Amino acid sequence: MKISTISRHLREGTKNVVRNGWMTFASISSIAISLFILGVFVLITLNVNDIAGQIEKQVEINVYLEVNTSQDQIKALESQIQAIHEVKTIKFVSKEEGLVYLRQKLGESGKALLDGFEGDNNPLNDAFTIEVDDPRNVAVVADQISALNIGKDPKPIYKVNYGKGTVEALFKVTQIVRWIGIGIVVLLSFTAVFLIANTIKITILARRKEISIMKLVGATNSFIRWPFFIEGALLGFIGSVIPTAIILGGYWKLLNTSSLNLNLLMVELTPFGKIAPTMMALLLGIGMVIGIWGSLISVRKFLRV
């Protein structure tokens, strides 16, 4: 294709966007509204998945040791736990460290409540805090650790705790939330495609005479298609830039709102730098693809003269 021909198609495609005022406005509005709704749900779904992952990662195993466990037994047990394939990290927490942590967690009231429990009066057990490679392996690892007591006398392990029952319920809930989010996004994607494509078809339908005349005077199919191809791409791009800018601008403001504090829940919203490229690629890509596809499908119908 000659450069002059390409230049002509670009000019015509751009002129059509400007010339067809209300129809252009209708197409861009349809794309913008559909992609805005889709984008909001995608944003929510990405954050829900991220938060669910953060909550799952906080699941850990606490192995409480018997009071009279010797240092040699503690070291041997640590080596055995570390040898378990699914164990990612293991940290020894002495009962003195446990008491300090408990005081910090309870705050000012805890200081008075726990006063006098230092030294030999400390009722806490030494413990190991264990993080596994995959939160879903926590029950398996806990069972393997409990089995380390078998045949030992005295037994070094007092109790293995990982929130049995609660953890399994947590995994089920997070999985259901993920699937619901994905389902809503998929349904909204199909709805957006349908609405946008039909709006663009109506835009092209209003110009069927123009296409028929060009065909009758000898214009080739590709010569007719290219301006509409460019017009559809421009409509899709403009219509997707608007919701992308609004969503990302609003999300940026939300992240920087001083009143937004999720620290008590031990979770954070997905960082802007991680969410922005995904949202831009998704919305801009969908907008342009649908714009081009809607234009080409609609024009093809009127090329059979």
Protein backbone atom coordinates (compact mmCIF):
# COMPACT_ATOMS: atom_id res chain seq x y z
CA MET A 1 0.00 0.00 0.00
CA LYS A 2 1.35 3.42 -0.98
CA ILE A 3 2.14 6.05 1.62
CA SER A 4 -0.31 8.45 -0.08
CA THR A 5 -3.07 5.85 0.21
CA ILE A 6 -2.30 5.23 3.89
CA SER A 7 -2.33 9.00 4.48
CA ARG A 8 -5.70 9.24 2.74
CA HIS A 9 -7.18 6.46 4.89
CA LEU A 10 -5.90 8.12 8.08
CA ARG A 11 -7.42 11.46 7.07
CA GLU A 12 -10.75 9.92 6.12
CA GLY A 13 -10.94 7.83 9.28
CA THR A 14 -10.19 10.86 11.46
CA LYS A 15 -12.65 13.06 9.53
CA ASN A 16 -15.40 10.48 9.94
CA VAL A 17 -14.97 10.57 13.71
CA VAL A 18 -15.36 14.36 13.73
CA ARG A 19 -17.99 14.55 10.98
CA ASN A 20 -20.45 12.05 12.46
CA GLY A 21 -20.97 14.09 15.62
CA TRP A 22 -23.87 12.46 17.47
CA MET A 23 -23.15 8.93 16.28
CA THR A 24 -19.51 9.32 17.29
CA PHE A 25 -20.64 10.61 20.68
CA ALA A 26 -23.03 7.65 21.05
CA SER A 27 -20.30 5.13 20.20
CA ILE A 28 -17.71 6.69 22.51
CA SER A 29 -20.26 7.00 25.32
CA SER A 30 -21.29 3.36 24.93
CA ILE A 31 -17.68 2.21 24.99
CA ALA A 32 -16.78 4.47 27.92
CA ILE A 33 -19.75 3.46 30.09
CA SER A 34 -19.41 -0.27 29.36
CA LEU A 35 -15.67 -0.29 29.98
CA PHE A 36 -16.03 1.85 33.11
CA ILE A 37 -18.39 -0.70 34.67
CA LEU A 38 -16.14 -3.53 33.54
CA GLY A 39 -13.02 -1.72 34.77
CA VAL A 40 -14.47 -1.10 38.24
CA PHE A 41 -15.29 -4.77 38.67
CA VAL A 42 -11.87 -5.81 37.33
CA LEU A 43 -10.26 -3.43 39.84
CA ILE A 44 -12.33 -4.88 42.69
CA THR A 45 -11.59 -8.44 41.59
CA LEU A 46 -7.83 -7.83 41.37
CA ASN A 47 -7.83 -6.31 44.86
CA VAL A 48 -9.99 -9.07 46.32
CA ASN A 49 -7.64 -11.70 44.88
CA ASP A 50 -4.62 -9.80 46.20
CA ILE A 51 -6.12 -9.38 49.68
CA ALA A 52 -7.16 -13.05 49.75
CA GLY A 53 -3.59 -13.97 48.90
CA GLN A 54 -2.27 -11.72 51.67
CA ILE A 55 -4.61 -13.31 54.22
CA GLU A 56 -3.61 -16.81 53.11
CA LYS A 57 0.08 -15.93 53.47
CA GLN A 58 -0.51 -14.91 57.10
CA VAL A 59 -1.47 -18.49 57.93
CA GLU A 60 1.37 -20.05 59.93
CA ILE A 61 2.03 -22.98 62.23
CA ASN A 62 2.89 -22.50 65.89
CA VAL A 63 4.69 -25.44 67.52
CA TYR A 64 4.65 -25.10 71.34
CA LEU A 65 7.35 -27.05 73.17
CA GLU A 66 7.11 -28.93 76.45
CA VAL A 67 8.38 -26.93 79.45
CA ASN A 68 11.34 -29.21 80.22
CA THR A 69 12.55 -29.63 76.63
CA SER A 70 16.36 -29.47 76.56
CA GLN A 71 18.42 -27.30 74.23
CA ASP A 72 19.70 -30.39 72.42
CA GLN A 73 16.13 -31.56 71.79
CA ILE A 74 15.15 -28.08 70.57
CA LYS A 75 18.05 -28.00 68.08
CA ALA A 76 17.33 -31.54 66.88
CA LEU A 77 13.62 -30.74 66.45
CA GLU A 78 14.43 -27.55 64.54
CA SER A 79 16.61 -29.52 62.11
CA GLN A 80 13.88 -32.12 61.61
CA ILE A 81 11.23 -29.45 60.91
CA GLN A 82 13.55 -27.57 58.56
CA ALA A 83 14.05 -30.81 56.62
CA ILE A 84 10.34 -30.99 55.75
CA HIS A 85 10.13 -30.07 52.06
CA GLU A 86 7.17 -27.67 52.35
CA VAL A 87 8.67 -25.62 55.20
CA LYS A 88 9.75 -22.17 53.98
CA THR A 89 10.97 -20.52 57.20
CA ILE A 90 11.24 -21.53 60.83
CA LYS A 91 11.78 -19.15 63.74
CA PHE A 92 12.42 -20.04 67.38
CA VAL A 93 10.48 -17.86 69.82
CA SER A 94 11.58 -18.19 73.44
CA LYS A 95 9.02 -17.80 76.19
CA GLU A 96 10.69 -14.48 77.16
CA GLU A 97 10.17 -13.18 73.59
CA GLY A 98 6.63 -14.51 73.66
CA LEU A 99 5.90 -12.54 76.84
CA VAL A 100 7.27 -9.32 75.30
CA TYR A 101 5.15 -9.85 72.20
CA LEU A 102 2.04 -10.56 74.29
CA ARG A 103 2.54 -7.34 76.27
CA GLN A 104 2.90 -5.33 73.07
CA LYS A 105 -0.24 -6.91 71.65
CA LEU A 106 -2.34 -6.23 74.77
CA GLY A 107 -1.10 -2.64 75.09
CA GLU A 108 -1.15 -0.67 78.33
CA SER A 109 -3.71 -2.94 79.99
CA GLY A 110 -1.52 -5.95 79.20
CA LYS A 111 1.48 -4.51 81.02
CA ALA A 112 -0.39 -4.48 84.33
CA LEU A 113 -2.08 -7.81 83.68
CA LEU A 114 1.21 -9.60 82.91
CA ASP A 115 3.25 -7.90 85.62
CA GLY A 116 5.13 -10.41 87.75
CA PHE A 117 5.32 -13.17 85.12
CA GLU A 118 9.02 -12.68 84.36
CA GLY A 119 11.68 -15.36 84.85
CA ASP A 120 10.55 -18.61 86.43
CA ASN A 121 6.99 -17.30 86.73
CA ASN A 122 6.62 -17.07 82.94
CA PRO A 123 3.69 -19.41 82.06
CA LEU A 124 4.39 -19.42 78.31
CA ASN A 125 6.09 -22.17 76.32
CA ASP A 126 9.04 -21.88 73.98
CA ALA A 127 7.78 -22.23 70.44
CA PHE A 128 8.61 -22.41 66.75
CA THR A 129 6.77 -20.21 64.25
CA ILE A 130 6.71 -21.88 60.85
CA GLU A 131 5.80 -20.52 57.42
CA VAL A 132 5.12 -22.99 54.60
CA ASP A 133 5.78 -22.58 50.88
CA ASP A 134 2.07 -22.74 50.03
CA PRO A 135 -0.61 -21.86 52.63
CA ARG A 136 -2.67 -24.83 51.41
CA ASN A 137 0.07 -27.18 52.63
CA VAL A 138 -0.28 -25.99 56.23
CA ALA A 139 -2.40 -28.94 57.41
CA VAL A 140 -0.07 -31.50 55.82
CA VAL A 141 3.01 -29.89 57.39
CA ALA A 142 1.28 -29.66 60.80
CA ASP A 143 0.56 -33.41 60.69
CA GLN A 144 4.19 -34.16 59.75
CA ILE A 145 5.42 -32.04 62.67
CA SER A 146 3.03 -33.73 65.11
CA ALA A 147 4.42 -37.09 63.95
CA LEU A 148 7.88 -36.04 65.16
CA ASN A 149 6.68 -36.74 68.71
CA ILE A 150 6.24 -40.44 67.94
CA GLY A 151 8.79 -42.61 69.71
CA LYS A 152 10.29 -39.68 71.65
CA ASP A 153 10.62 -39.82 75.44
CA PRO A 154 10.26 -37.21 76.76
CA LYS A 155 8.14 -35.77 73.96
CA PRO A 156 9.47 -32.34 72.86
CA ILE A 157 6.22 -31.04 71.35
CA TYR A 158 3.39 -29.87 73.61
CA LYS A 159 0.97 -28.71 70.91
CA VAL A 160 0.86 -27.91 67.17
CA ASN A 161 -1.56 -25.11 66.33
CA TYR A 162 -2.48 -23.68 62.93
CA GLY A 163 -6.14 -22.82 63.43
CA LYS A 164 -7.53 -26.13 62.23
CA GLY A 165 -11.05 -25.71 60.89
CA THR A 166 -10.76 -21.93 60.62
CA VAL A 167 -7.97 -22.18 58.04
CA GLU A 168 -9.87 -24.66 55.87
CA ALA A 169 -12.96 -22.41 56.01
CA LEU A 170 -10.80 -19.40 55.09
CA PHE A 171 -9.43 -21.15 52.00
CA LYS A 172 -12.95 -22.11 50.88
CA VAL A 173 -14.25 -18.55 51.30
CA THR A 174 -11.32 -16.97 49.45
CA GLN A 175 -11.69 -19.47 46.60
CA ILE A 176 -15.44 -18.76 46.31
CA VAL A 177 -14.80 -14.99 46.34
CA ARG A 178 -12.20 -15.40 43.58
CA TRP A 179 -14.53 -17.43 41.37
CA ILE A 180 -17.43 -15.03 41.89
CA GLY A 181 -15.19 -12.11 40.92
CA ILE A 182 -13.94 -13.87 37.80
CA GLY A 183 -17.50 -14.85 36.84
CA ILE A 184 -18.79 -11.29 37.15
CA VAL A 185 -15.88 -9.93 35.09
CA VAL A 186 -16.46 -12.52 32.33
CA LEU A 187 -20.20 -11.75 32.17
CA LEU A 188 -19.56 -8.00 32.10
CA SER A 189 -16.96 -8.49 29.37
CA PHE A 190 -19.49 -10.22 27.11
CA THR A 191 -22.09 -7.57 27.91
CA ALA A 192 -19.63 -4.77 27.09
CA VAL A 193 -18.67 -6.44 23.80
CA PHE A 194 -22.34 -6.82 22.81
CA LEU A 195 -23.32 -3.23 23.66
CA ILE A 196 -20.28 -1.62 22.06
CA ALA A 197 -20.37 -3.71 18.89
CA ASN A 198 -24.08 -3.03 18.37
CA THR A 199 -23.62 0.71 18.89
CA ILE A 200 -20.86 0.78 16.27
CA LYS A 201 -23.02 -1.29 13.91
CA ILE A 202 -25.76 1.34 14.20
CA THR A 203 -23.16 4.02 13.41
CA ILE A 204 -22.08 2.17 10.24
CA LEU A 205 -25.68 1.37 9.32
CA ALA A 206 -26.44 5.08 9.11
CA ARG A 207 -23.80 5.34 6.36
CA ARG A 208 -24.74 2.32 4.25
CA LYS A 209 -25.55 4.53 1.26
CA GLU A 210 -22.05 6.01 1.35
CA ILE A 211 -20.54 2.51 1.31
CA SER A 212 -22.85 1.37 -1.52
CA ILE A 213 -21.96 4.38 -3.69
CA MET A 214 -18.22 3.83 -3.16
CA LYS A 215 -18.66 0.17 -4.12
CA LEU A 216 -20.62 1.05 -7.27
CA VAL A 217 -18.02 3.54 -8.56
CA GLY A 218 -15.33 0.86 -8.40
CA ALA A 219 -13.73 1.17 -4.95
CA THR A 220 -12.17 -2.10 -3.74
CA ASN A 221 -13.29 -3.72 -0.53
CA SER A 222 -9.99 -2.99 1.22
CA PHE A 223 -10.11 0.65 0.08
CA ILE A 224 -13.56 0.99 1.69
CA ARG A 225 -12.65 -0.93 4.84
CA TRP A 226 -9.50 0.96 5.84
CA PRO A 227 -11.11 4.32 6.83
CA PHE A 228 -13.70 2.42 8.88
CA PHE A 229 -10.92 0.31 10.39
CA ILE A 230 -9.14 3.49 11.52
CA GLU A 231 -12.40 5.09 12.64
CA GLY A 232 -13.27 2.04 14.76
CA ALA A 233 -9.79 2.05 16.31
CA LEU A 234 -10.10 5.76 17.18
CA LEU A 235 -13.58 5.30 18.65
CA GLY A 236 -12.35 2.36 20.73
CA PHE A 237 -9.23 4.21 21.86
CA ILE A 238 -11.03 7.41 22.88
CA GLY A 239 -13.84 5.47 24.53
CA SER A 240 -11.40 3.39 26.57
CA VAL A 241 -9.04 6.23 27.55
CA ILE A 242 -11.85 8.03 29.40
CA PRO A 243 -12.81 5.22 31.82
CA THR A 244 -9.15 4.21 32.22
CA ALA A 245 -8.22 7.74 33.30
CA ILE A 246 -11.21 8.02 35.67
CA ILE A 247 -10.66 4.61 37.29
CA LEU A 248 -6.90 4.97 37.73
CA GLY A 249 -7.25 8.58 38.92
CA GLY A 250 -9.84 7.56 41.47
CA TYR A 251 -7.77 4.58 42.61
CA TRP A 252 -4.68 6.76 43.01
CA LYS A 253 -6.69 9.17 45.17
CA LEU A 254 -8.11 6.26 47.19
CA LEU A 255 -4.64 4.87 47.91
CA ASN A 256 -3.45 8.30 49.06
CA THR A 257 -6.46 9.02 51.26
CA SER A 258 -5.18 9.43 54.81
CA SER A 259 -8.42 8.09 56.29
CA LEU A 260 -7.98 4.76 54.47
CA ASN A 261 -6.31 2.42 56.92
CA LEU A 262 -6.40 -1.35 56.58
CA ASN A 263 -3.47 -1.99 58.91
CA LEU A 264 -5.78 -3.42 61.58
CA LEU A 265 -6.82 -6.08 59.09
CA MET A 266 -3.15 -6.75 58.26
CA VAL A 267 -3.86 -6.32 54.54
CA GLU A 268 -3.10 -3.70 51.91
CA LEU A 269 -4.72 -2.67 48.64
CA THR A 270 -2.84 -3.60 45.49
CA PRO A 271 -0.13 -0.98 44.78
CA PHE A 272 -0.87 1.52 41.99
CA GLY A 273 2.28 0.53 40.08
CA LYS A 274 1.06 -3.07 39.91
CA ILE A 275 -2.57 -2.34 39.03
CA ALA A 276 -2.08 0.48 36.47
CA PRO A 277 -0.34 -1.50 33.66
CA THR A 278 -2.93 -4.31 33.91
CA MET A 279 -5.89 -1.92 33.80
CA MET A 280 -4.43 0.15 30.93
CA ALA A 281 -3.57 -2.89 28.81
CA LEU A 282 -6.96 -4.52 29.46
CA LEU A 283 -9.27 -1.54 28.90
CA LEU A 284 -7.35 0.06 26.02
CA GLY A 285 -6.91 -3.31 24.36
CA ILE A 286 -10.58 -4.28 24.69
CA GLY A 287 -11.74 -0.83 23.53
CA MET A 288 -9.62 -0.79 20.36
CA VAL A 289 -10.24 -4.44 19.47
CA ILE A 290 -14.01 -4.06 19.84
CA GLY A 291 -13.98 -0.76 17.94
CA ILE A 292 -12.10 -2.29 15.01
CA TRP A 293 -14.06 -5.54 15.10
CA GLY A 294 -17.44 -3.80 15.27
CA SER A 295 -16.56 -1.56 12.32
CA LEU A 296 -15.21 -4.35 10.08
CA ILE A 297 -18.07 -6.76 10.79
CA SER A 298 -20.65 -4.06 10.08
CA VAL A 299 -18.95 -2.80 6.90
CA ARG A 300 -18.65 -6.33 5.49
CA LYS A 301 -22.43 -6.60 5.36
CA PHE A 302 -22.68 -3.63 2.99
CA LEU A 303 -19.79 -4.62 0.72
CA ARG A 304 -21.95 -7.21 -1.01
CA VAL A 305 -23.53 -4.89 -3.61
